[in-house]
Amino acid sequence: SAPVLGGTPKELIKDVDSPISFSPDAKKFVFLRERHDTPTFDLLVANVDGTPDHAIFTNQTLLTDSAAPVWLPDGKAVVVPVSLPTPDSIGGLAMFDVATGKQENVALTADRIYYEPVWLPGAGGLIVSAASRQMGLLQRQLAFLSFPKGEYRMLTTDTNTYLHPSVSADGKMIAATESKYIFSFDVAPTSKPDELKTVPLNSHVNIWQWNWMPDGKLIIPQGGEIKFIDPAGGESMLLSDKQGAPKQSAPCGTKYIVYRKFAAAGAASLNLWRTDASGANPVQLTNGRNDQYPTCSPDGKWVYYLSIPDNLALKRVSIDG
């Protein structure tokens, strides 16, 4: 903490892994602490001077892409956004009783993942930044989410991404960071890493992961599609699946491609699939809730991956399924 008018900051607590959220009486605040060698968290309450008050829970798995607790105005509960909380939902809010730590999942949805909620005074709900399946989970839009029913109303509908929403004390103004990402891709020889050359791309929407094919081409998931891209120019599409939102592709020799996507229309699980190098004959390889980061063995017979809900366990499955 530091005086509003300036002065020497005072360290209150170490190892805080989330924004803090104040209690309605402003005497306490809540924050998350991640146990960094595991997918578990502590949800902790402290007094405003930083002295400990109590733990709402400790060493508990929290399936979240947005470690941002919100203390609700009745003072009785704290909510945190969660991802893939049930077999039928990809997003929702985990609500924790401040006194007992009892958890209840609310505002569950098969269509959206919520981020960075803030309470909207006088409105009975929260402002959220949300990514939807309909947009391939590519952009995050501002929306109002009633609480606890989870009725959803979009406030923005464009191709930008809106981050870090905040609300004025009287609830009349909302501020957020508006972002528009334009991705480019450069490659360079390992012997001359400073000699970067831009790879020509037909689209500049989000690129979060890429891999090399045995023939020297790149395989890139982008905008609900998986593409082969020649570093010298030119690209071809392996497959297109906007609803499945395929990501994290990897070659298995020259015969197969493995990638991560939603299991099926309306399903909430994210699994690994295999397709021929032509994009034909898709086969589902895994059946977990959230399987990520496929890597094929050098002989092409096995796919190694992480199972997120299973304590980040490293698993493998045969390329034959």
C-alpha atoms as a PDB file:
ATOM      1  CA  SER A   1       0.000   0.000   0.000  1.00  0.00           C
ATOM      2  CA  ALA A   2       1.036   3.646  -0.460  1.00  0.00           C
ATOM      3  CA  PRO A   3      -0.465   7.011   0.590  1.00  0.00           C
ATOM      4  CA  VAL A   4      -2.768   8.475  -2.077  1.00  0.00           C
ATOM      5  CA  LEU A   5      -0.819  11.745  -2.016  1.00  0.00           C
ATOM      6  CA  GLY A   6       2.524   9.989  -2.304  1.00  0.00           C
ATOM      7  CA  GLY A   7       5.022   8.578   0.134  1.00  0.00           C
ATOM      8  CA  THR A   8       6.921   5.410   0.827  1.00  0.00           C
ATOM      9  CA  PRO A   9       5.036   2.220  -0.104  1.00  0.00           C
ATOM     10  CA  LYS A  10       4.641  -0.381   2.624  1.00  0.00           C
ATOM     11  CA  GLU A  11       4.786  -4.058   1.854  1.00  0.00           C
ATOM     12  CA  LEU A  12       1.734  -5.816   3.295  1.00  0.00           C
ATOM     13  CA  ILE A  13       1.709  -9.393   1.939  1.00  0.00           C
ATOM     14  CA  LYS A  14       4.011 -11.483  -0.225  1.00  0.00           C
ATOM     15  CA  ASP A  15       2.959 -13.948  -2.923  1.00  0.00           C
ATOM     16  CA  VAL A  16      -0.365 -12.466  -4.034  1.00  0.00           C
ATOM     17  CA  ASP A  17      -1.506 -13.991  -7.337  1.00  0.00           C
ATOM     18  CA  SER A  18      -4.675 -12.035  -8.083  1.00  0.00           C
ATOM     19  CA  PRO A  19      -6.192  -8.584  -7.811  1.00  0.00           C
ATOM     20  CA  ILE A  20      -7.628  -7.917  -4.363  1.00  0.00           C
ATOM     21  CA  SER A  21     -11.314  -7.265  -3.692  1.00  0.00           C
ATOM     22  CA  PHE A  22     -12.493  -5.326  -0.633  1.00  0.00           C
ATOM     23  CA  SER A  23     -15.306  -6.398   1.658  1.00  0.00           C
ATOM     24  CA  PRO A  24     -18.436  -4.208   1.614  1.00  0.00           C
ATOM     25  CA  ASP A  25     -17.431  -2.594   4.944  1.00  0.00           C
ATOM     26  CA  ALA A  26     -13.919  -1.894   3.532  1.00  0.00           C
ATOM     27  CA  LYS A  27     -12.277  -3.484   6.582  1.00  0.00           C
ATOM     28  CA  LYS A  28     -10.897  -6.552   4.822  1.00  0.00           C
ATOM     29  CA  PHE A  29      -9.894  -7.780   1.389  1.00  0.00           C
ATOM     30  CA  VAL A  30      -9.686 -11.141  -0.350  1.00  0.00           C
ATOM     31  CA  PHE A  31      -7.044 -12.509  -2.725  1.00  0.00           C
ATOM     32  CA  LEU A  32      -5.847 -15.741  -4.344  1.00  0.00           C
ATOM     33  CA  ARG A  33      -2.491 -17.390  -3.780  1.00  0.00           C
ATOM     34  CA  GLU A  34      -1.444 -20.036  -6.284  1.00  0.00           C
ATOM     35  CA  ARG A  35       0.608 -23.009  -5.184  1.00  0.00           C
ATOM     36  CA  HIS A  36       2.839 -22.769  -8.187  1.00  0.00           C
ATOM     37  CA  ASP A  37       3.946 -26.390  -8.509  1.00  0.00           C
ATOM     38  CA  THR A  38       0.283 -27.517  -8.570  1.00  0.00           C
ATOM     39  CA  PRO A  39      -3.034 -26.286 -10.051  1.00  0.00           C
ATOM     40  CA  THR A  40      -4.274 -25.486  -6.525  1.00  0.00           C
ATOM     41  CA  PHE A  41      -4.972 -22.182  -4.821  1.00  0.00           C
ATOM     42  CA  ASP A  42      -5.623 -20.621  -1.430  1.00  0.00           C
ATOM     43  CA  LEU A  43      -8.424 -18.043  -1.140  1.00  0.00           C
ATOM     44  CA  LEU A  44      -7.363 -15.793   1.710  1.00  0.00           C
ATOM     45  CA  VAL A  45      -8.909 -12.925   3.652  1.00  0.00           C
ATOM     46  CA  ALA A  46      -6.708 -10.232   5.208  1.00  0.00           C
ATOM     47  CA  ASN A  47      -7.337  -7.087   7.193  1.00  0.00           C
ATOM     48  CA  VAL A  48      -6.642  -3.819   5.413  1.00  0.00           C
ATOM     49  CA  ASP A  49      -3.307  -3.513   7.253  1.00  0.00           C
ATOM     50  CA  GLY A  50      -2.239  -6.848   5.723  1.00  0.00           C
ATOM     51  CA  THR A  51      -2.566  -8.976   8.841  1.00  0.00           C
ATOM     52  CA  PRO A  52      -4.188 -12.377   8.204  1.00  0.00           C
ATOM     53  CA  ASP A  53      -7.872 -12.860   8.954  1.00  0.00           C
ATOM     54  CA  HIS A  54      -8.744 -16.370   7.745  1.00  0.00           C
ATOM     55  CA  ALA A  55      -8.608 -18.726   4.778  1.00  0.00           C
ATOM     56  CA  ILE A  56     -11.836 -19.333   2.871  1.00  0.00           C
ATOM     57  CA  PHE A  57     -10.137 -22.424   1.446  1.00  0.00           C
ATOM     58  CA  THR A  58      -6.595 -23.777   1.074  1.00  0.00           C
ATOM     59  CA  ASN A  59      -4.878 -26.119  -1.364  1.00  0.00           C
ATOM     60  CA  GLN A  60      -7.972 -26.450  -3.548  1.00  0.00           C
ATOM     61  CA  THR A  61      -8.079 -27.031  -7.289  1.00  0.00           C
ATOM     62  CA  LEU A  62      -9.554 -24.006  -9.038  1.00  0.00           C
ATOM     63  CA  LEU A  63     -10.172 -24.399 -12.770  1.00  0.00           C
ATOM     64  CA  THR A  64      -9.855 -20.772 -13.752  1.00  0.00           C
ATOM     65  CA  ASP A  65      -8.440 -18.728 -16.614  1.00  0.00           C
ATOM     66  CA  SER A  66      -9.151 -15.545 -14.643  1.00  0.00           C
ATOM     67  CA  ALA A  67      -7.862 -15.528 -11.072  1.00  0.00           C
ATOM     68  CA  ALA A  68      -9.930 -12.479 -10.100  1.00  0.00           C
ATOM     69  CA  PRO A  69     -12.046 -12.819  -6.929  1.00  0.00           C
ATOM     70  CA  VAL A  70     -14.986 -10.479  -6.310  1.00  0.00           C
ATOM     71  CA  TRP A  71     -16.431  -9.939  -2.835  1.00  0.00           C
ATOM     72  CA  LEU A  72     -20.192  -9.648  -3.251  1.00  0.00           C
ATOM     73  CA  PRO A  73     -22.064  -6.695  -1.746  1.00  0.00           C
ATOM     74  CA  ASP A  74     -23.923  -8.803   0.846  1.00  0.00           C
ATOM     75  CA  GLY A  75     -20.531  -9.638   2.361  1.00  0.00           C
ATOM     76  CA  LYS A  76     -21.350 -13.337   2.578  1.00  0.00           C
ATOM     77  CA  ALA A  77     -19.729 -14.716  -0.562  1.00  0.00           C
ATOM     78  CA  VAL A  78     -16.834 -14.333  -2.993  1.00  0.00           C
ATOM     79  CA  VAL A  79     -17.042 -15.357  -6.665  1.00  0.00           C
ATOM     80  CA  VAL A  80     -14.260 -16.376  -9.060  1.00  0.00           C
ATOM     81  CA  PRO A  81     -14.669 -17.165 -12.789  1.00  0.00           C
ATOM     82  CA  VAL A  82     -14.130 -20.832 -13.638  1.00  0.00           C
ATOM     83  CA  SER A  83     -13.487 -22.672 -16.905  1.00  0.00           C
ATOM     84  CA  LEU A  84     -14.916 -26.107 -17.746  1.00  0.00           C
ATOM     85  CA  PRO A  85     -16.440 -26.429 -14.250  1.00  0.00           C
ATOM     86  CA  THR A  86     -18.829 -29.248 -15.239  1.00  0.00           C
ATOM     87  CA  PRO A  87     -19.092 -31.710 -18.131  1.00  0.00           C
ATOM     88  CA  ASP A  88     -21.840 -29.543 -19.668  1.00  0.00           C
ATOM     89  CA  SER A  89     -20.397 -26.046 -19.237  1.00  0.00           C
ATOM     90  CA  ILE A  90     -17.320 -24.228 -20.470  1.00  0.00           C
ATOM     91  CA  GLY A  91     -17.721 -21.276 -18.104  1.00  0.00           C
ATOM     92  CA  GLY A  92     -19.394 -19.956 -15.007  1.00  0.00           C
ATOM     93  CA  LEU A  93     -18.702 -18.562 -11.559  1.00  0.00           C
ATOM     94  CA  ALA A  94     -17.591 -20.437  -8.452  1.00  0.00           C
ATOM     95  CA  MET A  95     -19.233 -18.879  -5.377  1.00  0.00           C
ATOM     96  CA  PHE A  96     -17.576 -19.434  -2.002  1.00  0.00           C
ATOM     97  CA  ASP A  97     -19.166 -18.802   1.377  1.00  0.00           C
ATOM     98  CA  VAL A  98     -16.821 -16.445   3.228  1.00  0.00           C
ATOM     99  CA  ALA A  99     -17.484 -18.090   6.602  1.00  0.00           C
ATOM    100  CA  THR A 100     -17.471 -21.782   5.656  1.00  0.00           C
ATOM    101  CA  GLY A 101     -15.725 -22.020   2.290  1.00  0.00           C
ATOM    102  CA  LYS A 102     -18.645 -23.993   0.852  1.00  0.00           C
ATOM    103  CA  GLN A 103     -18.579 -23.835  -2.964  1.00  0.00           C
ATOM    104  CA  GLU A 104     -21.496 -23.521  -5.362  1.00  0.00           C
ATOM    105  CA  ASN A 105     -21.164 -23.136  -9.125  1.00  0.00           C
ATOM    106  CA  VAL A 106     -23.547 -20.535 -10.560  1.00  0.00           C
ATOM    107  CA  ALA A 107     -24.215 -18.817 -13.907  1.00  0.00           C
ATOM    108  CA  LEU A 108     -23.022 -21.925 -15.758  1.00  0.00           C
ATOM    109  CA  THR A 109     -22.976 -21.746 -19.559  1.00  0.00           C
ATOM    110  CA  ALA A 110     -22.034 -23.987 -22.469  1.00  0.00           C
ATOM    111  CA  ASP A 111     -21.305 -20.947 -24.668  1.00  0.00           C
ATOM    112  CA  ARG A 112     -18.948 -18.548 -22.869  1.00  0.00           C
ATOM    113  CA  ILE A 113     -15.926 -18.148 -20.596  1.00  0.00           C
ATOM    114  CA  TYR A 114     -15.998 -15.191 -18.188  1.00  0.00           C
ATOM    115  CA  TYR A 115     -13.044 -13.039 -17.174  1.00  0.00           C
ATOM    116  CA  GLU A 116     -12.358 -10.223 -14.682  1.00  0.00           C
ATOM    117  CA  PRO A 117     -15.838  -9.685 -13.190  1.00  0.00           C
ATOM    118  CA  VAL A 118     -16.690  -6.483 -11.339  1.00  0.00           C
ATOM    119  CA  TRP A 119     -19.899  -5.764  -9.443  1.00  0.00           C
ATOM    120  CA  LEU A 120     -22.265  -3.195 -10.951  1.00  0.00           C
ATOM    121  CA  PRO A 121     -23.885  -1.309  -8.039  1.00  0.00           C
ATOM    122  CA  GLY A 122     -27.669  -1.188  -8.055  1.00  0.00           C
ATOM    123  CA  ALA A 123     -28.008  -3.577 -11.005  1.00  0.00           C
ATOM    124  CA  GLY A 124     -27.963  -6.996  -9.356  1.00  0.00           C
ATOM    125  CA  GLY A 125     -25.096  -8.369 -11.375  1.00  0.00           C
ATOM    126  CA  LEU A 126     -21.580  -8.108 -12.731  1.00  0.00           C
ATOM    127  CA  ILE A 127     -19.774  -6.589 -15.670  1.00  0.00           C
ATOM    128  CA  VAL A 128     -17.627  -9.270 -17.301  1.00  0.00           C
ATOM    129  CA  SER A 129     -15.222  -9.635 -20.178  1.00  0.00           C
ATOM    130  CA  ALA A 130     -16.430 -12.747 -22.016  1.00  0.00           C
ATOM    131  CA  ALA A 131     -15.218 -14.988 -24.839  1.00  0.00           C
ATOM    132  CA  SER A 132     -17.873 -16.946 -26.737  1.00  0.00           C
ATOM    133  CA  ARG A 133     -17.825 -20.159 -28.745  1.00  0.00           C
ATOM    134  CA  GLN A 134     -19.724 -18.395 -31.535  1.00  0.00           C
ATOM    135  CA  MET A 135     -16.642 -16.215 -32.076  1.00  0.00           C
ATOM    136  CA  GLY A 136     -14.197 -19.097 -31.675  1.00  0.00           C
ATOM    137  CA  LEU A 137     -13.145 -17.784 -28.239  1.00  0.00           C
ATOM    138  CA  LEU A 138     -11.062 -15.231 -30.148  1.00  0.00           C
ATOM    139  CA  GLN A 139     -12.326 -11.878 -28.895  1.00  0.00           C
ATOM    140  CA  ARG A 140     -13.553 -10.863 -25.472  1.00  0.00           C
ATOM    141  CA  GLN A 141     -16.616  -8.614 -25.300  1.00  0.00           C
ATOM    142  CA  LEU A 142     -18.103  -6.643 -22.410  1.00  0.00           C
ATOM    143  CA  ALA A 143     -21.386  -7.939 -21.040  1.00  0.00           C
ATOM    144  CA  PHE A 144     -23.725  -7.703 -18.064  1.00  0.00           C
ATOM    145  CA  LEU A 145     -24.268 -10.947 -16.153  1.00  0.00           C
ATOM    146  CA  SER A 146     -27.162 -11.039 -13.701  1.00  0.00           C
ATOM    147  CA  PHE A 147     -26.394 -12.745 -10.417  1.00  0.00           C
ATOM    148  CA  PRO A 148     -27.033 -15.489  -9.472  1.00  0.00           C
ATOM    149  CA  LYS A 149     -29.322 -16.396 -12.420  1.00  0.00           C
ATOM    150  CA  GLY A 150     -26.621 -15.815 -15.030  1.00  0.00           C
ATOM    151  CA  GLU A 151     -28.793 -13.950 -17.542  1.00  0.00           C
ATOM    152  CA  TYR A 152     -26.399 -12.570 -20.132  1.00  0.00           C
ATOM    153  CA  ARG A 153     -26.605  -9.303 -22.069  1.00  0.00           C
ATOM    154  CA  MET A 154     -23.823  -8.131 -24.377  1.00  0.00           C
ATOM    155  CA  LEU A 155     -22.695  -4.517 -24.113  1.00  0.00           C
ATOM    156  CA  THR A 156     -20.219  -4.574 -27.005  1.00  0.00           C
ATOM    157  CA  THR A 157     -20.443  -6.471 -30.310  1.00  0.00           C
ATOM    158  CA  ASP A 158     -17.404  -5.848 -32.482  1.00  0.00           C
ATOM    159  CA  THR A 159     -14.049  -7.354 -33.451  1.00  0.00           C
ATOM    160  CA  ASN A 160     -12.082  -5.709 -30.650  1.00  0.00           C
ATOM    161  CA  THR A 161     -11.153  -7.294 -27.323  1.00  0.00           C
ATOM    162  CA  TYR A 162     -12.119  -5.607 -24.047  1.00  0.00           C
ATOM    163  CA  LEU A 163      -9.993  -6.204 -20.965  1.00  0.00           C
ATOM    164  CA  HIS A 164      -9.839  -5.087 -17.316  1.00  0.00           C
ATOM    165  CA  PRO A 165     -13.344  -3.630 -16.890  1.00  0.00           C
ATOM    166  CA  SER A 166     -13.976  -1.345 -13.930  1.00  0.00           C
ATOM    167  CA  VAL A 167     -17.076   0.430 -12.661  1.00  0.00           C
ATOM    168  CA  SER A 168     -17.468   3.844 -11.022  1.00  0.00           C
ATOM    169  CA  ALA A 169     -18.660   3.935  -7.397  1.00  0.00           C
ATOM    170  CA  ASP A 170     -22.137   5.124  -8.416  1.00  0.00           C
ATOM    171  CA  GLY A 171     -22.427   2.412 -11.100  1.00  0.00           C
ATOM    172  CA  LYS A 172     -23.028   4.925 -13.893  1.00  0.00           C
ATOM    173  CA  MET A 173     -19.741   4.563 -15.797  1.00  0.00           C
ATOM    174  CA  ILE A 174     -17.787   1.559 -17.085  1.00  0.00           C
ATOM    175  CA  ALA A 175     -14.155   1.767 -18.195  1.00  0.00           C
ATOM    176  CA  ALA A 176     -12.195  -0.964 -19.972  1.00  0.00           C
ATOM    177  CA  THR A 177      -9.104  -1.409 -22.117  1.00  0.00           C
ATOM    178  CA  GLU A 178     -10.008  -1.751 -25.808  1.00  0.00           C
ATOM    179  CA  SER A 179      -7.525  -3.843 -27.758  1.00  0.00           C
ATOM    180  CA  LYS A 180      -7.222  -4.996 -31.341  1.00  0.00           C
ATOM    181  CA  TYR A 181      -4.556  -7.587 -31.993  1.00  0.00           C
ATOM    182  CA  ILE A 182      -2.730  -7.759 -35.303  1.00  0.00           C
ATOM    183  CA  PHE A 183      -0.434 -10.773 -35.387  1.00  0.00           C
ATOM    184  CA  SER A 184       2.588 -11.213 -37.615  1.00  0.00           C
ATOM    185  CA  PHE A 185       5.042 -14.088 -37.853  1.00  0.00           C
ATOM    186  CA  ASP A 186       8.803 -13.957 -38.419  1.00  0.00           C
ATOM    187  CA  VAL A 187      11.364 -16.735 -38.937  1.00  0.00           C
ATOM    188  CA  ALA A 188      15.156 -16.734 -38.995  1.00  0.00           C
ATOM    189  CA  PRO A 189      17.954 -19.278 -39.531  1.00  0.00           C
ATOM    190  CA  THR A 190      19.331 -20.690 -36.280  1.00  0.00           C
ATOM    191  CA  SER A 191      22.800 -19.682 -37.480  1.00  0.00           C
ATOM    192  CA  LYS A 192      21.699 -16.058 -38.028  1.00  0.00           C
ATOM    193  CA  PRO A 193      18.871 -15.347 -35.546  1.00  0.00           C
ATOM    194  CA  ASP A 194      19.023 -11.593 -36.233  1.00  0.00           C
ATOM    195  CA  GLU A 195      18.056 -12.079 -39.890  1.00  0.00           C
ATOM    196  CA  LEU A 196      14.320 -12.183 -39.348  1.00  0.00           C
ATOM    197  CA  LYS A 197      12.014 -12.495 -42.335  1.00  0.00           C
ATOM    198  CA  THR A 198       8.278 -11.918 -42.106  1.00  0.00           C
ATOM    199  CA  VAL A 199       6.109 -14.866 -43.146  1.00  0.00           C
ATOM    200  CA  PRO A 200       3.318 -13.699 -45.505  1.00  0.00           C
ATOM    201  CA  LEU A 201      -0.093 -14.347 -43.911  1.00  0.00           C
ATOM    202  CA  ASN A 202      -3.545 -13.996 -45.406  1.00  0.00           C
ATOM    203  CA  SER A 203      -5.009 -13.249 -41.962  1.00  0.00           C
ATOM    204  CA  HIS A 204      -3.628 -11.398 -38.957  1.00  0.00           C
ATOM    205  CA  VAL A 205      -6.060 -12.662 -36.322  1.00  0.00           C
ATOM    206  CA  ASN A 206      -4.781 -14.340 -33.178  1.00  0.00           C
ATOM    207  CA  ILE A 207      -1.939 -16.838 -33.433  1.00  0.00           C
ATOM    208  CA  TRP A 208      -1.233 -18.448 -30.068  1.00  0.00           C
ATOM    209  CA  GLN A 209       0.636 -21.596 -31.090  1.00  0.00           C
ATOM    210  CA  TRP A 210       2.456 -23.041 -34.082  1.00  0.00           C
ATOM    211  CA  ASN A 211       4.587 -26.012 -35.090  1.00  0.00           C
ATOM    212  CA  TRP A 212       6.896 -27.223 -37.845  1.00  0.00           C
ATOM    213  CA  MET A 213       5.961 -29.890 -40.373  1.00  0.00           C
ATOM    214  CA  PRO A 214       8.589 -32.390 -41.551  1.00  0.00           C
ATOM    215  CA  ASP A 215       8.645 -30.698 -44.985  1.00  0.00           C
ATOM    216  CA  GLY A 216       9.607 -27.320 -43.468  1.00  0.00           C
ATOM    217  CA  LYS A 217       6.159 -25.744 -43.596  1.00  0.00           C
ATOM    218  CA  LEU A 218       4.467 -24.252 -40.562  1.00  0.00           C
ATOM    219  CA  ILE A 219       1.206 -25.580 -39.156  1.00  0.00           C
ATOM    220  CA  ILE A 220      -0.755 -22.799 -37.475  1.00  0.00           C
ATOM    221  CA  PRO A 221      -4.192 -22.806 -35.820  1.00  0.00           C
ATOM    222  CA  GLN A 222      -5.806 -19.434 -36.534  1.00  0.00           C
ATOM    223  CA  GLY A 223      -9.354 -18.145 -36.374  1.00  0.00           C
ATOM    224  CA  GLY A 224     -11.026 -21.542 -36.072  1.00  0.00           C
ATOM    225  CA  GLU A 225      -8.900 -22.999 -38.893  1.00  0.00           C
ATOM    226  CA  ILE A 226      -5.686 -24.983 -39.109  1.00  0.00           C
ATOM    227  CA  LYS A 227      -3.397 -23.979 -41.952  1.00  0.00           C
ATOM    228  CA  PHE A 228      -0.180 -25.089 -43.605  1.00  0.00           C
ATOM    229  CA  ILE A 229       1.973 -22.026 -44.286  1.00  0.00           C
ATOM    230  CA  ASP A 230       5.126 -21.884 -46.371  1.00  0.00           C
ATOM    231  CA  PRO A 231       7.641 -19.470 -44.753  1.00  0.00           C
ATOM    232  CA  ALA A 232       8.462 -18.237 -48.259  1.00  0.00           C
ATOM    233  CA  GLY A 233       4.807 -17.497 -49.027  1.00  0.00           C
ATOM    234  CA  GLY A 234       1.594 -19.359 -49.691  1.00  0.00           C
ATOM    235  CA  GLU A 235      -0.798 -21.227 -47.448  1.00  0.00           C
ATOM    236  CA  SER A 236      -3.391 -23.975 -47.629  1.00  0.00           C
ATOM    237  CA  MET A 237      -6.157 -24.980 -45.234  1.00  0.00           C
ATOM    238  CA  LEU A 238      -6.071 -28.313 -43.434  1.00  0.00           C
ATOM    239  CA  LEU A 239      -9.488 -27.907 -41.813  1.00  0.00           C
ATOM    240  CA  SER A 240     -12.033 -25.314 -40.707  1.00  0.00           C
ATOM    241  CA  ASP A 241     -14.208 -25.682 -37.608  1.00  0.00           C
ATOM    242  CA  LYS A 242     -15.348 -22.361 -36.124  1.00  0.00           C
ATOM    243  CA  GLN A 243     -17.491 -23.971 -33.411  1.00  0.00           C
ATOM    244  CA  GLY A 244     -14.820 -26.477 -32.453  1.00  0.00           C
ATOM    245  CA  ALA A 245     -12.197 -23.680 -32.248  1.00  0.00           C
ATOM    246  CA  PRO A 246      -9.224 -25.972 -33.029  1.00  0.00           C
ATOM    247  CA  LYS A 247      -5.944 -25.037 -31.367  1.00  0.00           C
ATOM    248  CA  GLN A 248      -2.575 -26.516 -30.427  1.00  0.00           C
ATOM    249  CA  SER A 249      -1.763 -28.579 -33.508  1.00  0.00           C
ATOM    250  CA  ALA A 250       1.232 -30.899 -33.876  1.00  0.00           C
ATOM    251  CA  PRO A 251       2.460 -33.234 -36.644  1.00  0.00           C
ATOM    252  CA  CYS A 252       2.866 -36.950 -36.036  1.00  0.00           C
ATOM    253  CA  GLY A 253       5.366 -37.852 -38.721  1.00  0.00           C
ATOM    254  CA  THR A 254       4.099 -37.247 -42.247  1.00  0.00           C
ATOM    255  CA  LYS A 255       0.844 -39.181 -41.935  1.00  0.00           C
ATOM    256  CA  TYR A 256      -1.158 -37.499 -39.147  1.00  0.00           C
ATOM    257  CA  ILE A 257      -1.903 -34.158 -37.512  1.00  0.00           C
ATOM    258  CA  VAL A 258      -3.048 -33.954 -33.876  1.00  0.00           C
ATOM    259  CA  TYR A 259      -4.957 -30.942 -32.603  1.00  0.00           C
ATOM    260  CA  ARG A 260      -7.084 -29.749 -29.684  1.00  0.00           C
ATOM    261  CA  LYS A 261     -10.716 -28.677 -30.034  1.00  0.00           C
ATOM    262  CA  PHE A 262     -14.148 -28.899 -28.463  1.00  0.00           C
ATOM    263  CA  ALA A 263     -15.351 -32.481 -28.652  1.00  0.00           C
ATOM    264  CA  ALA A 264     -18.577 -31.696 -30.547  1.00  0.00           C
ATOM    265  CA  ALA A 265     -21.193 -29.022 -31.087  1.00  0.00           C
ATOM    266  CA  GLY A 266     -22.639 -28.165 -27.685  1.00  0.00           C
ATOM    267  CA  ALA A 267     -20.054 -30.240 -25.781  1.00  0.00           C
ATOM    268  CA  ALA A 268     -17.973 -28.601 -23.087  1.00  0.00           C
ATOM    269  CA  SER A 269     -14.882 -30.848 -23.096  1.00  0.00           C
ATOM    270  CA  LEU A 270     -11.681 -29.928 -24.925  1.00  0.00           C
ATOM    271  CA  ASN A 271     -10.021 -33.003 -26.364  1.00  0.00           C
ATOM    272  CA  LEU A 272      -7.285 -34.107 -28.738  1.00  0.00           C
ATOM    273  CA  TRP A 273      -8.171 -35.251 -32.241  1.00  0.00           C
ATOM    274  CA  ARG A 274      -6.228 -36.842 -35.075  1.00  0.00           C
ATOM    275  CA  THR A 275      -6.678 -36.252 -38.761  1.00  0.00           C
ATOM    276  CA  ASP A 276      -4.879 -37.402 -41.876  1.00  0.00           C
ATOM    277  CA  ALA A 277      -2.345 -34.950 -43.264  1.00  0.00           C
ATOM    278  CA  SER A 278      -4.971 -34.120 -45.894  1.00  0.00           C
ATOM    279  CA  GLY A 279      -7.505 -33.091 -43.222  1.00  0.00           C
ATOM    280  CA  ALA A 280      -9.667 -36.181 -43.787  1.00  0.00           C
ATOM    281  CA  ASN A 281     -10.810 -38.895 -41.378  1.00  0.00           C
ATOM    282  CA  PRO A 282     -10.899 -37.053 -38.016  1.00  0.00           C
ATOM    283  CA  VAL A 283     -10.676 -39.334 -34.976  1.00  0.00           C
ATOM    284  CA  GLN A 284     -11.116 -38.317 -31.327  1.00  0.00           C
ATOM    285  CA  LEU A 285      -8.133 -39.551 -29.283  1.00  0.00           C
ATOM    286  CA  THR A 286      -8.899 -38.383 -25.721  1.00  0.00           C
ATOM    287  CA  ASN A 287     -12.022 -38.016 -23.606  1.00  0.00           C
ATOM    288  CA  GLY A 288     -10.903 -35.842 -20.687  1.00  0.00           C
ATOM    289  CA  ARG A 289     -12.423 -32.543 -19.592  1.00  0.00           C
ATOM    290  CA  ASN A 290      -9.465 -30.392 -20.660  1.00  0.00           C
ATOM    291  CA  ASP A 291      -6.608 -32.042 -22.575  1.00  0.00           C
ATOM    292  CA  GLN A 292      -3.819 -29.759 -23.787  1.00  0.00           C
ATOM    293  CA  TYR A 293      -0.410 -29.378 -25.435  1.00  0.00           C
ATOM    294  CA  PRO A 294      -0.127 -32.472 -27.674  1.00  0.00           C
ATOM    295  CA  THR A 295       3.364 -33.649 -28.596  1.00  0.00           C
ATOM    296  CA  CYS A 296       4.003 -36.719 -30.731  1.00  0.00           C
ATOM    297  CA  SER A 297       6.719 -39.242 -29.971  1.00  0.00           C
ATOM    298  CA  PRO A 298       9.598 -39.363 -32.499  1.00  0.00           C
ATOM    299  CA  ASP A 299       8.316 -42.699 -33.863  1.00  0.00           C
ATOM    300  CA  GLY A 300       4.837 -41.214 -34.379  1.00  0.00           C
ATOM    301  CA  LYS A 301       3.111 -43.939 -32.327  1.00  0.00           C
ATOM    302  CA  TRP A 302       2.170 -41.953 -29.209  1.00  0.00           C
ATOM    303  CA  VAL A 303       0.692 -38.573 -28.355  1.00  0.00           C
ATOM    304  CA  TYR A 304       1.828 -37.047 -25.048  1.00  0.00           C
ATOM    305  CA  TYR A 305      -0.355 -34.372 -23.459  1.00  0.00           C
ATOM    306  CA  LEU A 306      -1.370 -32.655 -20.214  1.00  0.00           C
ATOM    307  CA  SER A 307      -4.672 -33.357 -18.459  1.00  0.00           C
ATOM    308  CA  ILE A 308      -5.447 -30.069 -16.712  1.00  0.00           C
ATOM    309  CA  PRO A 309      -8.128 -31.248 -14.218  1.00  0.00           C
ATOM    310  CA  ASP A 310      -5.987 -34.259 -13.219  1.00  0.00           C
ATOM    311  CA  ASN A 311      -3.420 -32.149 -11.379  1.00  0.00           C
ATOM    312  CA  LEU A 312      -1.625 -31.306 -14.649  1.00  0.00           C
ATOM    313  CA  ALA A 313      -0.847 -34.978 -15.176  1.00  0.00           C
ATOM    314  CA  LEU A 314       1.275 -35.919 -18.176  1.00  0.00           C
ATOM    315  CA  LYS A 315      -0.475 -38.684 -20.126  1.00  0.00           C
ATOM    316  CA  ARG A 316      -0.088 -40.414 -23.443  1.00  0.00           C
ATOM    317  CA  VAL A 317      -2.451 -42.078 -25.875  1.00  0.00           C
ATOM    318  CA  SER A 318      -1.834 -44.227 -28.941  1.00  0.00           C
ATOM    319  CA  ILE A 319      -2.016 -42.396 -32.256  1.00  0.00           C
ATOM    320  CA  ASP A 320      -4.443 -45.134 -33.301  1.00  0.00           C
ATOM    321  CA  GLY A 321      -6.892 -44.029 -30.576  1.00  0.00           C
END
